[in-house]
Amino acid sequence: MAVGASRGFIIGHVVPEARLGGPIALVEDGDRIVIDAELKTIDWQVDEAEQKRRKAKWDETDKNKLTVKRGILLRYARDVAPASTGAYCD
């Protein structure tokens, strides 16, 4: 009997930088993303001009403002740092 929720190769990445307009915030359905497990790379295959267009469009929205006002989700959105910097939570 199998135990657990997942089997095989899995990619999971959740990071607050998307709320601040980092690359994850700009990914759209249909974008090609190449993952190389041996080289440990993730390559978002969207040309630089399109990335700049999306970033400019994103900057014009209020997506970078917090919409939650209380609770653990507010604390996470406001305080948690990326894992690459220690996933610090004040």
C-alpha atoms as a PDB file:
ATOM      1  CA  MET A   1       0.000   0.000   0.000  1.00  0.00           C
ATOM      2  CA  ALA A   2       1.339   3.444  -0.973  1.00  0.00           C
ATOM      3  CA  VAL A   3       1.652   6.084   1.717  1.00  0.00           C
ATOM      4  CA  GLY A   4       1.836   9.834   1.112  1.00  0.00           C
ATOM      5  CA  ALA A   5       0.462  12.222  -1.445  1.00  0.00           C
ATOM      6  CA  SER A   6       3.081  12.094  -4.199  1.00  0.00           C
ATOM      7  CA  ARG A   7       5.067   9.691  -6.332  1.00  0.00           C
ATOM      8  CA  GLY A   8       7.879  10.353  -8.782  1.00  0.00           C
ATOM      9  CA  PHE A   9       9.485  13.634  -9.793  1.00  0.00           C
ATOM     10  CA  ILE A  10       7.890  16.659  -8.121  1.00  0.00           C
ATOM     11  CA  ILE A  11       8.582  20.378  -8.378  1.00  0.00           C
ATOM     12  CA  GLY A  12       7.175  22.695  -5.781  1.00  0.00           C
ATOM     13  CA  HIS A  13       8.069  26.324  -5.285  1.00  0.00           C
ATOM     14  CA  VAL A  14       6.203  28.802  -3.136  1.00  0.00           C
ATOM     15  CA  VAL A  15       7.909  32.068  -2.369  1.00  0.00           C
ATOM     16  CA  PRO A  16       6.801  35.553  -1.329  1.00  0.00           C
ATOM     17  CA  GLU A  17       8.785  37.174  -4.140  1.00  0.00           C
ATOM     18  CA  ALA A  18       5.865  36.673  -6.526  1.00  0.00           C
ATOM     19  CA  ARG A  19       3.826  39.213  -4.565  1.00  0.00           C
ATOM     20  CA  LEU A  20       6.615  41.718  -5.106  1.00  0.00           C
ATOM     21  CA  GLY A  21       6.735  41.247  -8.879  1.00  0.00           C
ATOM     22  CA  GLY A  22       9.438  38.604  -9.065  1.00  0.00           C
ATOM     23  CA  PRO A  23       9.579  36.217 -12.037  1.00  0.00           C
ATOM     24  CA  ILE A  24       6.931  33.861 -10.648  1.00  0.00           C
ATOM     25  CA  ALA A  25       4.400  36.724 -10.650  1.00  0.00           C
ATOM     26  CA  LEU A  26       4.885  37.084 -14.416  1.00  0.00           C
ATOM     27  CA  VAL A  27       4.402  33.443 -15.450  1.00  0.00           C
ATOM     28  CA  GLU A  28       1.251  32.837 -17.492  1.00  0.00           C
ATOM     29  CA  ASP A  29      -0.660  29.722 -18.510  1.00  0.00           C
ATOM     30  CA  GLY A  30       1.014  28.176 -21.533  1.00  0.00           C
ATOM     31  CA  ASP A  31       4.520  29.453 -20.796  1.00  0.00           C
ATOM     32  CA  ARG A  32       7.225  26.894 -21.462  1.00  0.00           C
ATOM     33  CA  ILE A  33       9.320  26.066 -18.418  1.00  0.00           C
ATOM     34  CA  VAL A  34      12.175  23.584 -18.730  1.00  0.00           C
ATOM     35  CA  ILE A  35      13.305  21.794 -15.585  1.00  0.00           C
ATOM     36  CA  ASP A  36      16.618  19.945 -15.604  1.00  0.00           C
ATOM     37  CA  ALA A  37      16.879  17.823 -12.460  1.00  0.00           C
ATOM     38  CA  GLU A  38      20.484  16.833 -13.146  1.00  0.00           C
ATOM     39  CA  LEU A  39      21.700  20.409 -13.622  1.00  0.00           C
ATOM     40  CA  LYS A  40      19.271  21.657 -10.957  1.00  0.00           C
ATOM     41  CA  THR A  41      17.955  24.443 -13.190  1.00  0.00           C
ATOM     42  CA  ILE A  42      14.562  25.886 -14.011  1.00  0.00           C
ATOM     43  CA  ASP A  43      14.439  27.864 -17.264  1.00  0.00           C
ATOM     44  CA  TRP A  44      11.433  30.077 -17.995  1.00  0.00           C
ATOM     45  CA  GLN A  45      11.480  30.254 -21.771  1.00  0.00           C
ATOM     46  CA  VAL A  46       9.897  33.638 -22.359  1.00  0.00           C
ATOM     47  CA  ASP A  47      11.978  36.165 -24.277  1.00  0.00           C
ATOM     48  CA  GLU A  48      13.295  39.246 -22.530  1.00  0.00           C
ATOM     49  CA  ALA A  49      11.026  41.679 -24.410  1.00  0.00           C
ATOM     50  CA  GLU A  50       7.921  39.751 -23.314  1.00  0.00           C
ATOM     51  CA  GLN A  51       9.201  39.591 -19.733  1.00  0.00           C
ATOM     52  CA  LYS A  52       9.632  43.382 -19.746  1.00  0.00           C
ATOM     53  CA  ARG A  53       6.137  43.865 -21.205  1.00  0.00           C
ATOM     54  CA  ARG A  54       4.607  41.675 -18.504  1.00  0.00           C
ATOM     55  CA  LYS A  55       6.590  43.414 -15.772  1.00  0.00           C
ATOM     56  CA  ALA A  56       5.395  46.835 -16.962  1.00  0.00           C
ATOM     57  CA  LYS A  57       1.805  45.589 -17.027  1.00  0.00           C
ATOM     58  CA  TRP A  58       2.203  44.037 -13.569  1.00  0.00           C
ATOM     59  CA  ASP A  59       3.635  47.278 -12.148  1.00  0.00           C
ATOM     60  CA  GLU A  60       0.469  49.109 -13.222  1.00  0.00           C
ATOM     61  CA  THR A  61      -1.735  46.915 -11.013  1.00  0.00           C
ATOM     62  CA  ASP A  62      -2.273  46.805  -7.272  1.00  0.00           C
ATOM     63  CA  LYS A  63      -1.115  43.188  -7.044  1.00  0.00           C
ATOM     64  CA  ASN A  64       1.808  44.192  -4.852  1.00  0.00           C
ATOM     65  CA  LYS A  65      -0.531  45.547  -2.167  1.00  0.00           C
ATOM     66  CA  LEU A  66      -1.651  43.221   0.605  1.00  0.00           C
ATOM     67  CA  THR A  67      -5.305  42.266   0.344  1.00  0.00           C
ATOM     68  CA  VAL A  68      -5.462  40.275   3.575  1.00  0.00           C
ATOM     69  CA  LYS A  69      -5.876  42.331   6.735  1.00  0.00           C
ATOM     70  CA  ARG A  70      -5.390  39.853   9.591  1.00  0.00           C
ATOM     71  CA  GLY A  71      -4.446  36.343  10.594  1.00  0.00           C
ATOM     72  CA  ILE A  72      -1.698  33.950   9.609  1.00  0.00           C
ATOM     73  CA  LEU A  73      -2.015  34.699   5.893  1.00  0.00           C
ATOM     74  CA  LEU A  74      -1.292  38.389   6.575  1.00  0.00           C
ATOM     75  CA  ARG A  75       1.724  37.434   8.648  1.00  0.00           C
ATOM     76  CA  TYR A  76       3.002  35.155   5.910  1.00  0.00           C
ATOM     77  CA  ALA A  77       2.427  37.684   3.104  1.00  0.00           C
ATOM     78  CA  ARG A  78       4.017  40.494   5.085  1.00  0.00           C
ATOM     79  CA  ASP A  79       6.929  38.773   6.824  1.00  0.00           C
ATOM     80  CA  VAL A  80       8.139  35.516   5.277  1.00  0.00           C
ATOM     81  CA  ALA A  81      11.368  35.659   3.303  1.00  0.00           C
ATOM     82  CA  PRO A  82      12.383  33.239   0.515  1.00  0.00           C
ATOM     83  CA  ALA A  83      13.951  29.901   1.476  1.00  0.00           C
ATOM     84  CA  SER A  84      17.167  31.028  -0.234  1.00  0.00           C
ATOM     85  CA  THR A  85      17.540  33.615   2.531  1.00  0.00           C
ATOM     86  CA  GLY A  86      16.449  31.321   5.349  1.00  0.00           C
ATOM     87  CA  ALA A  87      12.633  31.552   5.117  1.00  0.00           C
ATOM     88  CA  TYR A  88      12.820  34.079   7.916  1.00  0.00           C
ATOM     89  CA  CYS A  89       9.540  35.020   9.587  1.00  0.00           C
ATOM     90  CA  ASP A  90       9.573  37.913  12.051  1.00  0.00           C
END
